[in-house]
Amino acid sequence: MSKHAKKQSKHLRAVPRLARFLGLSPLPADWKGIDDLMPILEKLRGDGAVVMMKLDGEHESGSEEGPYTALITGQVLAGEFFRSDHPTMEQALAEVIVAYAISRWGFDPESK
């Protein structure tokens, strides 16, 4: 497994732990799609963050960057932002959500 793939897997695995950390309903380890993430996304919105997804038909799905871009920005971040480009929507969202959670909520993705 490449270093890039391990990093992606780490973020995907951290999302269910993040839900527990936030006191939200449990997420399955194999969560998929935006519906599973809505409680976390609503928490971000409640913080004043702006979350955007871009599905880019001009990027090939086989490329390392991929056609999915996730971005978290907003006044709450005082000019900072989190952006990720990946082959799947889940990977892109997981990376920016976990980065935000570490920065703003003190989340430790390695905690059990």
N, C-alpha and C. Protein backbone atom coordinates (compact mmCIF):
# COMPACT_ATOMS: atom_id res chain seq x y z
N MET A 1 0.85 -1.18 0.00
CA MET A 1 0.00 0.00 0.00
C MET A 1 0.90 1.24 0.00
N SER A 2 0.58 2.21 -0.84
CA SER A 2 1.38 3.43 -0.93
C SER A 2 1.16 4.30 0.30
N LYS A 3 2.11 5.21 0.53
CA LYS A 3 1.99 6.16 1.64
C LYS A 3 0.71 6.99 1.50
N HIS A 4 0.40 7.38 0.25
CA HIS A 4 -0.80 8.18 -0.03
C HIS A 4 -2.05 7.37 0.33
N ALA A 5 -2.09 6.09 -0.03
CA ALA A 5 -3.25 5.24 0.26
C ALA A 5 -3.41 5.03 1.76
N LYS A 6 -2.30 4.87 2.49
CA LYS A 6 -2.38 4.70 3.94
C LYS A 6 -2.97 5.94 4.60
N LYS A 7 -2.54 7.14 4.12
CA LYS A 7 -3.06 8.39 4.67
C LYS A 7 -4.56 8.49 4.43
N GLN A 8 -5.00 8.12 3.23
CA GLN A 8 -6.43 8.15 2.91
C GLN A 8 -7.19 7.22 3.85
N SER A 9 -6.69 6.01 4.01
CA SER A 9 -7.36 5.03 4.86
C SER A 9 -7.45 5.53 6.30
N LYS A 10 -6.40 6.19 6.76
CA LYS A 10 -6.37 6.71 8.12
C LYS A 10 -7.51 7.71 8.34
N HIS A 11 -7.72 8.59 7.39
CA HIS A 11 -8.80 9.57 7.51
C HIS A 11 -10.17 8.90 7.45
N LEU A 12 -10.33 7.96 6.55
CA LEU A 12 -11.61 7.24 6.44
C LEU A 12 -11.92 6.51 7.74
N ARG A 13 -10.92 5.88 8.33
CA ARG A 13 -11.13 5.15 9.59
C ARG A 13 -11.39 6.09 10.76
N ALA A 14 -10.88 7.31 10.69
CA ALA A 14 -11.03 8.25 11.80
C ALA A 14 -12.43 8.85 11.88
N VAL A 15 -13.16 8.87 10.79
CA VAL A 15 -14.48 9.52 10.78
C VAL A 15 -15.45 8.88 11.78
N PRO A 16 -15.58 7.56 11.88
CA PRO A 16 -16.47 7.00 12.92
C PRO A 16 -16.01 7.37 14.34
N ARG A 17 -14.70 7.43 14.57
CA ARG A 17 -14.19 7.86 15.88
C ARG A 17 -14.55 9.31 16.14
N LEU A 18 -14.52 10.14 15.10
CA LEU A 18 -14.89 11.54 15.23
C LEU A 18 -16.37 11.66 15.63
N ALA A 19 -17.22 10.88 15.01
CA ALA A 19 -18.65 10.91 15.36
C ALA A 19 -18.82 10.61 16.85
N ARG A 20 -18.11 9.59 17.35
CA ARG A 20 -18.19 9.27 18.78
C ARG A 20 -17.66 10.43 19.63
N PHE A 21 -16.53 11.00 19.21
CA PHE A 21 -15.91 12.13 19.91
C PHE A 21 -16.89 13.29 20.05
N LEU A 22 -17.70 13.50 19.01
CA LEU A 22 -18.67 14.60 19.00
C LEU A 22 -19.99 14.24 19.68
N GLY A 23 -20.12 12.98 20.13
CA GLY A 23 -21.35 12.55 20.79
C GLY A 23 -22.50 12.32 19.81
N LEU A 24 -22.16 12.05 18.56
CA LEU A 24 -23.18 11.82 17.53
C LEU A 24 -23.51 10.34 17.42
N SER A 25 -24.54 10.02 16.67
CA SER A 25 -24.88 8.62 16.43
C SER A 25 -23.70 7.90 15.80
N PRO A 26 -23.52 6.64 16.16
CA PRO A 26 -22.38 5.89 15.62
C PRO A 26 -22.45 5.75 14.10
N LEU A 27 -21.27 5.79 13.49
CA LEU A 27 -21.14 5.54 12.05
C LEU A 27 -20.53 4.17 11.86
N PRO A 28 -20.97 3.44 10.84
CA PRO A 28 -20.34 2.14 10.58
C PRO A 28 -18.90 2.35 10.13
N ALA A 29 -18.04 1.39 10.39
CA ALA A 29 -16.64 1.46 9.97
C ALA A 29 -16.53 1.60 8.46
N ASP A 30 -17.49 1.05 7.74
CA ASP A 30 -17.46 1.09 6.27
C ASP A 30 -18.45 2.14 5.73
N TRP A 31 -18.55 3.27 6.42
CA TRP A 31 -19.49 4.32 6.02
C TRP A 31 -19.26 4.71 4.56
N LYS A 32 -20.34 5.14 3.94
CA LYS A 32 -20.30 5.55 2.53
C LYS A 32 -21.23 6.72 2.30
N GLY A 33 -20.82 7.61 1.45
CA GLY A 33 -21.70 8.67 0.98
C GLY A 33 -21.91 9.81 1.94
N ILE A 34 -22.62 10.78 1.46
CA ILE A 34 -22.84 12.01 2.21
C ILE A 34 -23.86 11.85 3.33
N ASP A 35 -24.82 10.94 3.15
CA ASP A 35 -25.86 10.78 4.17
C ASP A 35 -25.27 10.42 5.53
N ASP A 36 -24.28 9.53 5.55
CA ASP A 36 -23.64 9.15 6.81
C ASP A 36 -22.94 10.33 7.47
N LEU A 37 -22.47 11.28 6.66
CA LEU A 37 -21.69 12.40 7.18
C LEU A 37 -22.54 13.60 7.61
N MET A 38 -23.81 13.61 7.30
CA MET A 38 -24.64 14.79 7.56
C MET A 38 -24.58 15.30 8.99
N PRO A 39 -24.62 14.46 10.02
CA PRO A 39 -24.51 15.02 11.38
C PRO A 39 -23.19 15.76 11.62
N ILE A 40 -22.10 15.26 11.07
CA ILE A 40 -20.81 15.94 11.22
C ILE A 40 -20.81 17.23 10.40
N LEU A 41 -21.34 17.17 9.18
CA LEU A 41 -21.41 18.36 8.34
C LEU A 41 -22.28 19.44 8.99
N GLU A 42 -23.36 19.04 9.63
CA GLU A 42 -24.22 20.01 10.34
C GLU A 42 -23.48 20.63 11.52
N LYS A 43 -22.64 19.85 12.19
CA LYS A 43 -21.82 20.38 13.28
C LYS A 43 -20.84 21.43 12.73
N LEU A 44 -20.25 21.15 11.57
CA LEU A 44 -19.36 22.13 10.94
C LEU A 44 -20.12 23.41 10.61
N ARG A 45 -21.30 23.25 10.00
CA ARG A 45 -22.12 24.41 9.66
C ARG A 45 -22.47 25.21 10.91
N GLY A 46 -22.81 24.50 11.98
CA GLY A 46 -23.13 25.15 13.25
C GLY A 46 -21.97 25.96 13.82
N ASP A 47 -20.76 25.55 13.50
CA ASP A 47 -19.57 26.29 13.92
C ASP A 47 -19.37 27.56 13.09
N GLY A 48 -20.07 27.65 11.97
CA GLY A 48 -19.88 28.78 11.07
C GLY A 48 -18.96 28.47 9.91
N ALA A 49 -18.59 27.20 9.77
CA ALA A 49 -17.73 26.79 8.66
C ALA A 49 -18.56 26.66 7.38
N VAL A 50 -17.90 26.84 6.26
CA VAL A 50 -18.51 26.66 4.95
C VAL A 50 -17.87 25.41 4.35
N VAL A 51 -18.71 24.45 3.96
CA VAL A 51 -18.22 23.20 3.37
C VAL A 51 -18.68 23.14 1.93
N MET A 52 -17.72 22.92 1.03
CA MET A 52 -18.05 22.83 -0.40
C MET A 52 -17.47 21.54 -0.98
N MET A 53 -18.23 20.98 -1.92
CA MET A 53 -17.79 19.80 -2.69
C MET A 53 -17.82 20.18 -4.16
N LYS A 54 -16.79 19.74 -4.87
CA LYS A 54 -16.75 19.94 -6.31
C LYS A 54 -16.58 18.58 -6.97
N LEU A 55 -17.46 18.27 -7.91
CA LEU A 55 -17.36 17.05 -8.70
C LEU A 55 -16.94 17.50 -10.08
N ASP A 56 -15.69 17.26 -10.42
CA ASP A 56 -15.07 17.85 -11.60
C ASP A 56 -15.02 16.86 -12.76
N GLY A 57 -15.87 17.08 -13.74
CA GLY A 57 -15.91 16.23 -14.92
C GLY A 57 -14.71 16.38 -15.82
N GLU A 58 -13.88 17.39 -15.57
CA GLU A 58 -12.69 17.58 -16.38
C GLU A 58 -11.49 16.81 -15.86
N HIS A 59 -11.58 16.28 -14.62
CA HIS A 59 -10.52 15.43 -14.08
C HIS A 59 -10.91 13.97 -14.27
N GLU A 60 -9.96 13.16 -14.64
CA GLU A 60 -10.24 11.74 -14.83
C GLU A 60 -10.30 11.04 -13.48
N SER A 61 -11.21 10.10 -13.34
CA SER A 61 -11.36 9.41 -12.06
C SER A 61 -10.17 8.51 -11.76
N GLY A 62 -9.39 8.13 -12.74
CA GLY A 62 -8.23 7.29 -12.51
C GLY A 62 -7.00 8.05 -12.07
N SER A 63 -7.02 9.38 -12.12
CA SER A 63 -5.84 10.15 -11.73
C SER A 63 -5.69 10.13 -10.21
N GLU A 64 -4.48 10.40 -9.74
CA GLU A 64 -4.22 10.37 -8.30
C GLU A 64 -5.02 11.45 -7.57
N GLU A 65 -5.13 12.64 -8.17
CA GLU A 65 -5.92 13.70 -7.54
C GLU A 65 -7.40 13.37 -7.57
N GLY A 66 -7.87 12.88 -8.67
CA GLY A 66 -9.27 12.50 -8.78
C GLY A 66 -10.19 13.66 -9.03
N PRO A 67 -11.44 13.34 -9.30
CA PRO A 67 -12.42 14.36 -9.67
C PRO A 67 -13.17 14.99 -8.50
N TYR A 68 -12.85 14.60 -7.26
CA TYR A 68 -13.59 15.11 -6.11
C TYR A 68 -12.73 16.05 -5.29
N THR A 69 -13.24 17.26 -5.07
CA THR A 69 -12.57 18.25 -4.23
C THR A 69 -13.49 18.60 -3.08
N ALA A 70 -12.95 18.59 -1.87
CA ALA A 70 -13.68 19.04 -0.69
C ALA A 70 -12.93 20.24 -0.11
N LEU A 71 -13.69 21.22 0.38
CA LEU A 71 -13.10 22.43 0.93
C LEU A 71 -13.89 22.86 2.15
N ILE A 72 -13.18 23.19 3.21
CA ILE A 72 -13.81 23.80 4.39
C ILE A 72 -13.13 25.15 4.59
N THR A 73 -13.95 26.19 4.66
CA THR A 73 -13.46 27.55 4.83
C THR A 73 -14.47 28.29 5.69
N GLY A 74 -14.34 29.60 5.76
CA GLY A 74 -15.31 30.41 6.50
C GLY A 74 -14.63 31.33 7.50
N GLN A 75 -15.37 32.30 7.97
CA GLN A 75 -14.83 33.27 8.91
C GLN A 75 -14.30 32.62 10.18
N VAL A 76 -14.91 31.53 10.58
CA VAL A 76 -14.47 30.83 11.78
C VAL A 76 -13.01 30.40 11.68
N LEU A 77 -12.51 30.22 10.48
CA LEU A 77 -11.13 29.79 10.27
C LEU A 77 -10.17 30.96 10.06
N ALA A 78 -10.67 32.18 10.09
CA ALA A 78 -9.84 33.38 10.01
C ALA A 78 -8.83 33.32 8.87
N GLY A 79 -9.31 33.02 7.67
CA GLY A 79 -8.44 33.00 6.51
C GLY A 79 -7.79 31.66 6.22
N GLU A 80 -7.86 30.74 7.15
CA GLU A 80 -7.33 29.40 6.95
C GLU A 80 -8.37 28.58 6.19
N PHE A 81 -7.95 27.50 5.53
CA PHE A 81 -8.91 26.61 4.89
C PHE A 81 -8.30 25.22 4.80
N PHE A 82 -9.17 24.25 4.57
CA PHE A 82 -8.76 22.86 4.37
C PHE A 82 -9.30 22.41 3.03
N ARG A 83 -8.42 21.88 2.18
CA ARG A 83 -8.82 21.44 0.85
C ARG A 83 -8.20 20.08 0.57
N SER A 84 -8.96 19.25 -0.15
CA SER A 84 -8.48 17.92 -0.50
C SER A 84 -9.04 17.51 -1.86
N ASP A 85 -8.19 16.92 -2.70
CA ASP A 85 -8.59 16.38 -4.01
C ASP A 85 -8.31 14.88 -3.97
N HIS A 86 -9.34 14.07 -4.27
CA HIS A 86 -9.17 12.61 -4.21
C HIS A 86 -10.03 11.90 -5.25
N PRO A 87 -9.74 10.62 -5.45
CA PRO A 87 -10.51 9.82 -6.40
C PRO A 87 -11.94 9.51 -5.95
N THR A 88 -12.22 9.59 -4.63
CA THR A 88 -13.58 9.35 -4.15
C THR A 88 -14.04 10.51 -3.28
N MET A 89 -15.34 10.71 -3.25
CA MET A 89 -15.94 11.75 -2.43
C MET A 89 -15.64 11.50 -0.96
N GLU A 90 -15.71 10.24 -0.55
CA GLU A 90 -15.47 9.89 0.85
C GLU A 90 -14.06 10.27 1.29
N GLN A 91 -13.08 9.98 0.44
CA GLN A 91 -11.70 10.31 0.79
C GLN A 91 -11.50 11.82 0.92
N ALA A 92 -12.04 12.56 -0.04
CA ALA A 92 -11.88 14.02 -0.01
C ALA A 92 -12.54 14.62 1.23
N LEU A 93 -13.76 14.22 1.51
CA LEU A 93 -14.47 14.75 2.68
C LEU A 93 -13.81 14.32 3.99
N ALA A 94 -13.42 13.07 4.08
CA ALA A 94 -12.79 12.58 5.32
C ALA A 94 -11.54 13.38 5.63
N GLU A 95 -10.72 13.65 4.63
CA GLU A 95 -9.47 14.37 4.88
C GLU A 95 -9.72 15.77 5.43
N VAL A 96 -10.63 16.52 4.82
CA VAL A 96 -10.85 17.90 5.30
C VAL A 96 -11.60 17.93 6.62
N ILE A 97 -12.53 17.02 6.81
CA ILE A 97 -13.29 16.97 8.07
C ILE A 97 -12.35 16.64 9.23
N VAL A 98 -11.50 15.65 9.05
CA VAL A 98 -10.57 15.26 10.12
C VAL A 98 -9.58 16.40 10.39
N ALA A 99 -9.08 17.04 9.35
CA ALA A 99 -8.15 18.17 9.54
C ALA A 99 -8.82 19.29 10.33
N TYR A 100 -10.06 19.61 9.99
CA TYR A 100 -10.81 20.64 10.72
C TYR A 100 -11.00 20.22 12.18
N ALA A 101 -11.38 18.98 12.39
CA ALA A 101 -11.64 18.48 13.74
C ALA A 101 -10.39 18.53 14.61
N ILE A 102 -9.25 18.24 14.03
CA ILE A 102 -7.99 18.32 14.77
C ILE A 102 -7.71 19.78 15.15
N SER A 103 -7.86 20.65 14.17
CA SER A 103 -7.54 22.07 14.35
C SER A 103 -8.51 22.78 15.29
N ARG A 104 -9.80 22.56 15.13
CA ARG A 104 -10.82 23.34 15.84
C ARG A 104 -11.40 22.66 17.07
N TRP A 105 -11.47 21.34 17.05
CA TRP A 105 -12.13 20.63 18.15
C TRP A 105 -11.18 19.84 19.03
N GLY A 106 -9.89 19.82 18.69
CA GLY A 106 -8.94 19.06 19.50
C GLY A 106 -9.06 17.57 19.36
N PHE A 107 -9.59 17.14 18.24
CA PHE A 107 -9.77 15.70 17.98
C PHE A 107 -8.42 15.03 17.74
N ASP A 108 -8.24 13.84 18.31
CA ASP A 108 -7.05 13.03 18.07
C ASP A 108 -7.47 11.83 17.24
N PRO A 109 -7.11 11.80 15.95
CA PRO A 109 -7.56 10.70 15.08
C PRO A 109 -6.98 9.34 15.45
N GLU A 110 -5.97 9.32 16.29
CA GLU A 110 -5.38 8.05 16.72
C GLU A 110 -6.05 7.46 17.95
N SER A 111 -6.90 8.26 18.61
CA SER A 111 -7.57 7.76 19.81
C SER A 111 -8.57 6.67 19.46
N LYS A 112 -8.81 5.80 20.36
CA LYS A 112 -9.73 4.67 20.12
C LYS A 112 -11.08 4.94 20.70
